[in-house]
């Protein structure tokens, strides 16, 4: 079953560019992953500290492989104390 992920990341005000750089590093490798159907990164036009990922995965197993990937783990380690908030929604389409 296809999984849609909406992930919201809010950087500390003094770390916006650093977090943005780490997020951008994720895009290329993630789009190459088996099971990645769509992976888009957005930055809020009113609040530059707010980033949003819109992702589509073939199934939960593909998403789990992504979260275990070396580039994802590097990202988590790099931004751990640079964020003020993170929320991840894992959704299945119903209509």
Protein backbone atom coordinates (compact mmCIF):
# COMPACT_ATOMS: atom_id res chain seq x y z
CA UNK A 1 0.00 0.00 0.00
CA UNK A 2 1.36 3.43 -1.00
CA UNK A 3 2.38 5.71 1.89
CA UNK A 4 2.36 9.50 1.79
CA UNK A 5 4.54 11.36 4.26
CA UNK A 6 4.21 15.01 5.22
CA UNK A 7 7.13 16.01 7.42
CA UNK A 8 7.41 19.46 8.99
CA UNK A 9 10.78 20.61 10.31
CA UNK A 10 11.31 23.92 12.10
CA UNK A 11 14.87 25.15 12.50
CA UNK A 12 16.15 27.35 15.27
CA UNK A 13 16.26 30.96 14.01
CA UNK A 14 20.07 30.97 14.15
CA UNK A 15 20.35 27.67 12.27
CA UNK A 16 18.05 28.12 9.26
CA UNK A 17 20.77 28.01 6.60
CA UNK A 18 22.57 25.10 8.25
CA UNK A 19 19.37 23.05 8.48
CA UNK A 20 18.45 23.97 4.91
CA UNK A 21 21.83 22.71 3.73
CA UNK A 22 21.39 19.40 5.53
CA UNK A 23 17.86 18.99 4.15
CA UNK A 24 19.03 19.68 0.60
CA UNK A 25 21.70 16.96 0.95
CA UNK A 26 18.88 14.45 1.47
CA UNK A 27 17.04 15.13 -1.79
CA UNK A 28 19.33 13.54 -4.40
CA UNK A 29 20.12 10.29 -2.60
CA UNK A 30 16.54 9.82 -1.42
CA UNK A 31 15.08 10.24 -4.90
CA UNK A 32 17.36 7.39 -6.03
CA UNK A 33 16.05 4.97 -3.39
CA UNK A 34 13.99 1.95 -4.43
CA UNK A 35 10.36 2.62 -3.58
CA UNK A 36 10.66 6.43 -3.54
CA UNK A 37 7.90 7.73 -5.82
CA UNK A 38 8.10 11.41 -4.91
CA UNK A 39 10.28 13.47 -2.58
CA UNK A 40 9.79 17.23 -2.53
CA UNK A 41 11.26 19.78 -0.15
CA UNK A 42 9.57 23.14 0.47
CA UNK A 43 10.49 26.23 2.50
CA UNK A 44 7.74 28.48 3.87
CA UNK A 45 7.56 31.88 2.16
CA UNK A 46 6.59 33.68 5.39
CA UNK A 47 8.73 31.76 7.89
CA UNK A 48 12.07 30.67 6.40
CA UNK A 49 12.75 28.45 9.43
CA UNK A 50 9.86 26.17 8.43
CA UNK A 51 10.51 23.34 5.97
CA UNK A 52 8.06 20.77 4.67
CA UNK A 53 8.69 17.48 2.90
CA UNK A 54 6.01 15.90 0.75
CA UNK A 55 6.91 12.28 0.06
CA UNK A 56 5.32 9.26 -1.62
CA UNK A 57 6.61 5.76 -1.00
CA UNK A 58 5.61 2.49 -2.67
CA UNK A 59 4.95 0.93 0.73
CA UNK A 60 5.89 1.11 4.40
CA UNK A 61 8.91 -1.14 3.83
CA UNK A 62 10.38 1.42 1.40
CA UNK A 63 9.87 4.19 3.94
CA UNK A 64 11.49 2.10 6.67
CA UNK A 65 14.50 1.44 4.41
CA UNK A 66 14.76 5.20 3.84
CA UNK A 67 14.79 5.89 7.58
CA UNK A 68 17.57 3.31 7.99
CA UNK A 69 19.67 4.70 5.13
CA UNK A 70 23.10 6.23 5.80
CA UNK A 71 22.12 9.64 4.39
CA UNK A 72 18.99 9.81 6.56
CA UNK A 73 20.96 8.83 9.67
CA UNK A 74 23.61 11.47 8.87
CA UNK A 75 20.88 14.09 8.53
CA UNK A 76 19.32 13.16 11.90
CA UNK A 77 22.70 13.38 13.62
CA UNK A 78 23.55 16.70 11.93
CA UNK A 79 20.35 18.57 12.83
CA UNK A 80 19.49 17.05 16.21
CA UNK A 81 20.06 20.18 18.30
CA UNK A 82 19.32 22.66 15.47
CA UNK A 83 15.56 22.06 15.41
CA UNK A 84 12.80 23.51 17.56
CA UNK A 85 10.10 21.21 16.19
CA UNK A 86 9.58 18.19 13.97
CA UNK A 87 6.35 16.45 13.05
CA UNK A 88 5.95 13.51 10.68
CA UNK A 89 2.60 12.30 9.37
CA UNK A 90 2.44 8.88 7.68
CA UNK A 91 -0.73 8.74 5.62
CA UNK A 92 -2.60 6.27 3.45
CA UNK A 93 -4.89 7.63 0.76
CA UNK A 94 -8.54 6.75 1.24
CA UNK A 95 -10.18 8.58 -1.66
